[in-house]
Every structure is written in C-alpha cells, then in structure tokens.
Amino acid sequence: MKQLLAFCFLVVFAACVNAQSGTTSKLTGTIYGASGSVIIGAQITATDSKGQKFTTVSDNNGVYILELPFTKTPLLNKREAKYNITVAYQGFRISKIDSYVFVPSKSGKMYLDIALEVGRLED
C-alpha cells in the first residue's frame, strides 16, 4: 500500500512540475501621440518580477510586438504573468504601467495600445 501511495504521489508531483512549464505569447499594440498620430521608433520594455527585460521598438505603423513568457498551471487553471511596461520616445513623457497582468488569449495575442503625453522623458 505504501508503494502505491508513493507511486501516486510521484505521478501527481511530476504532473504538477511539468504543468508549470512556461510558454510564450505575444503582447502587441500601437503607440500613439497625444494628437492621435502613430509613433515610429518608440521603445517598449516589459520587465518581469525577476528583473528580466523584454524590449522592442514600434515599427513604421506604430505597432510593436513583444514575445513574453507566462506561467501555465493547468491544475490551478492559471495562465498569466505580471509585467511593468514602459514606453519611451523623445519629446514625450515616459508612460509606465505597473503590474500589468498579461493573460494570453486563445489567438496567442493580447492587445495594448498606449498613448504618450507630450513632455520631457524625465517627467
């Protein structure tokens, strides 16, 4: 009986460890200025709780794409990660979003458009 119980524990433990394996999904959106025009070349950075940074720049259409890891734990029905998001571009204030909860959608993307305010980067 003890052997069967130990075997069951190992199977469940292995399944839990395997289920928590990370995977990635895309965070994408458009960066806008205060007038509604797109911003080309804005720097977008997502920083996780461990301090790991993921950075990209917006393209000629103001669109950015970040490939971000998240934790997948099916036993707890949880698929998410938290990131601090910053967007910087010369002539605009730095935009900061703290503890942004990133939950990948079934399409493999989550959308986040950001509008920047005119001002200095230091503001």
Protein backbone atom coordinates (compact mmCIF):
# COMPACT_ATOMS: atom_id res chain seq x y z
CA MET A 1 0.00 0.00 0.00
CA LYS A 2 2.84 2.41 0.86
CA GLN A 3 4.45 1.72 -2.51
CA LEU A 4 1.21 2.51 -4.34
CA LEU A 5 0.78 5.71 -2.34
CA ALA A 6 4.38 6.75 -3.06
CA PHE A 7 3.92 5.99 -6.76
CA CYS A 8 0.72 8.08 -6.90
CA PHE A 9 2.48 10.97 -5.15
CA LEU A 10 5.35 10.87 -7.67
CA VAL A 11 2.95 10.84 -10.63
CA VAL A 12 0.98 13.82 -9.29
CA PHE A 13 4.19 15.70 -8.38
CA ALA A 14 5.67 15.10 -11.84
CA ALA A 15 2.45 16.29 -13.47
CA CYS A 16 2.45 19.49 -11.38
CA VAL A 17 6.09 20.27 -12.18
CA ASN A 18 5.56 19.58 -15.88
CA ALA A 19 2.34 21.63 -15.96
CA GLN A 20 4.11 24.73 -14.63
CA SER A 21 6.41 24.85 -17.61
CA GLY A 22 6.50 28.29 -19.15
CA THR A 23 5.43 29.22 -22.62
CA THR A 24 5.21 32.46 -24.56
CA SER A 25 2.56 34.62 -26.16
CA LYS A 26 2.57 37.98 -27.90
CA LEU A 27 1.73 41.36 -26.46
CA THR A 28 1.07 43.77 -29.31
CA GLY A 29 -0.47 47.15 -29.90
CA THR A 30 0.03 50.61 -31.36
CA ILE A 31 1.84 53.58 -29.83
CA TYR A 32 0.08 56.92 -30.37
CA GLY A 33 0.96 60.53 -29.71
CA ALA A 34 -1.41 62.98 -28.00
CA SER A 35 -2.77 64.08 -31.40
CA GLY A 36 -3.65 60.51 -32.38
CA SER A 37 -0.79 60.03 -34.83
CA VAL A 38 1.27 56.86 -34.60
CA ILE A 39 4.76 56.99 -33.12
CA ILE A 40 7.51 55.28 -35.06
CA GLY A 41 10.56 54.08 -33.12
CA ALA A 42 9.17 54.24 -29.57
CA GLN A 43 10.96 51.90 -27.17
CA ILE A 44 8.66 49.47 -25.36
CA THR A 45 10.04 47.47 -22.42
CA ALA A 46 8.32 44.81 -20.32
CA THR A 47 10.06 43.85 -17.06
CA ASP A 48 9.03 40.76 -15.09
CA SER A 49 9.21 40.21 -11.32
CA LYS A 50 12.72 38.75 -11.65
CA GLY A 51 14.01 41.88 -13.40
CA GLN A 52 14.24 40.22 -16.80
CA LYS A 53 13.59 42.76 -19.59
CA PHE A 54 11.99 42.29 -22.98
CA THR A 55 12.39 45.24 -25.35
CA THR A 56 11.27 46.20 -28.83
CA VAL A 57 10.55 49.34 -30.87
CA SER A 58 7.40 50.37 -32.70
CA ASP A 59 7.50 49.92 -36.49
CA ASN A 60 6.52 52.27 -39.35
CA ASN A 61 2.85 51.83 -38.40
CA GLY A 62 3.47 52.48 -34.70
CA VAL A 63 2.93 48.78 -33.96
CA TYR A 64 5.06 46.80 -31.51
CA ILE A 65 5.21 43.08 -30.74
CA LEU A 66 6.75 41.58 -27.61
CA GLU A 67 7.11 37.82 -27.19
CA LEU A 68 6.56 37.35 -23.45
CA PRO A 69 6.77 34.24 -21.28
CA PHE A 70 3.96 33.33 -18.90
CA THR A 71 3.35 30.53 -16.45
CA LYS A 72 0.90 27.83 -17.42
CA THR A 73 -0.53 25.88 -14.49
CA PRO A 74 -3.49 23.78 -15.69
CA LEU A 75 -4.20 22.25 -12.28
CA LEU A 76 -4.87 25.75 -10.91
CA ASN A 77 -6.41 26.93 -14.20
CA LYS A 78 -3.92 29.81 -14.29
CA ARG A 79 -2.19 31.30 -17.34
CA GLU A 80 -0.68 34.67 -16.57
CA ALA A 81 2.33 36.82 -15.82
CA LYS A 82 2.79 40.33 -14.43
CA TYR A 83 4.95 42.91 -16.15
CA ASN A 84 5.89 46.52 -15.63
CA ILE A 85 5.50 48.17 -19.05
CA THR A 86 7.37 51.35 -20.04
CA VAL A 87 7.23 53.27 -23.30
CA ALA A 88 9.77 55.97 -24.12
CA TYR A 89 10.15 58.33 -27.07
CA GLN A 90 11.96 61.66 -27.39
CA GLY A 91 9.65 64.64 -26.81
CA PHE A 92 7.10 62.62 -24.81
CA ARG A 93 6.75 61.66 -21.16
CA ILE A 94 7.66 58.09 -20.29
CA SER A 95 4.49 56.02 -19.99
CA LYS A 96 4.52 53.46 -17.16
CA ILE A 97 2.07 50.69 -16.39
CA ASP A 98 2.92 48.79 -13.21
CA SER A 99 1.87 45.19 -12.56
CA TYR A 100 0.18 44.73 -15.93
CA VAL A 101 -1.45 41.28 -15.85
CA PHE A 102 -0.58 39.53 -19.09
CA VAL A 103 -3.08 36.77 -19.88
CA PRO A 104 -2.53 35.23 -23.32
CA SER A 105 -5.69 34.87 -25.36
CA LYS A 106 -6.70 31.85 -27.37
CA SER A 107 -5.47 33.65 -30.50
CA GLY A 108 -1.97 33.82 -28.98
CA LYS A 109 -2.02 37.62 -28.67
CA MET A 110 -3.05 40.26 -26.18
CA TYR A 111 -3.53 43.85 -27.34
CA LEU A 112 -2.42 47.00 -25.51
CA ASP A 113 -2.49 50.37 -27.29
CA ILE A 114 -0.68 53.21 -25.49
CA ALA A 115 -0.95 56.99 -25.97
CA LEU A 116 2.01 59.15 -24.95
CA GLU A 117 1.76 62.65 -23.48
CA VAL A 118 3.91 65.49 -24.77
CA GLY A 119 6.67 66.38 -22.32
CA ARG A 120 10.19 65.54 -21.29
CA LEU A 121 11.40 61.94 -20.87
CA GLU A 122 12.20 62.66 -17.20
CA ASP A 123 8.58 63.65 -16.36
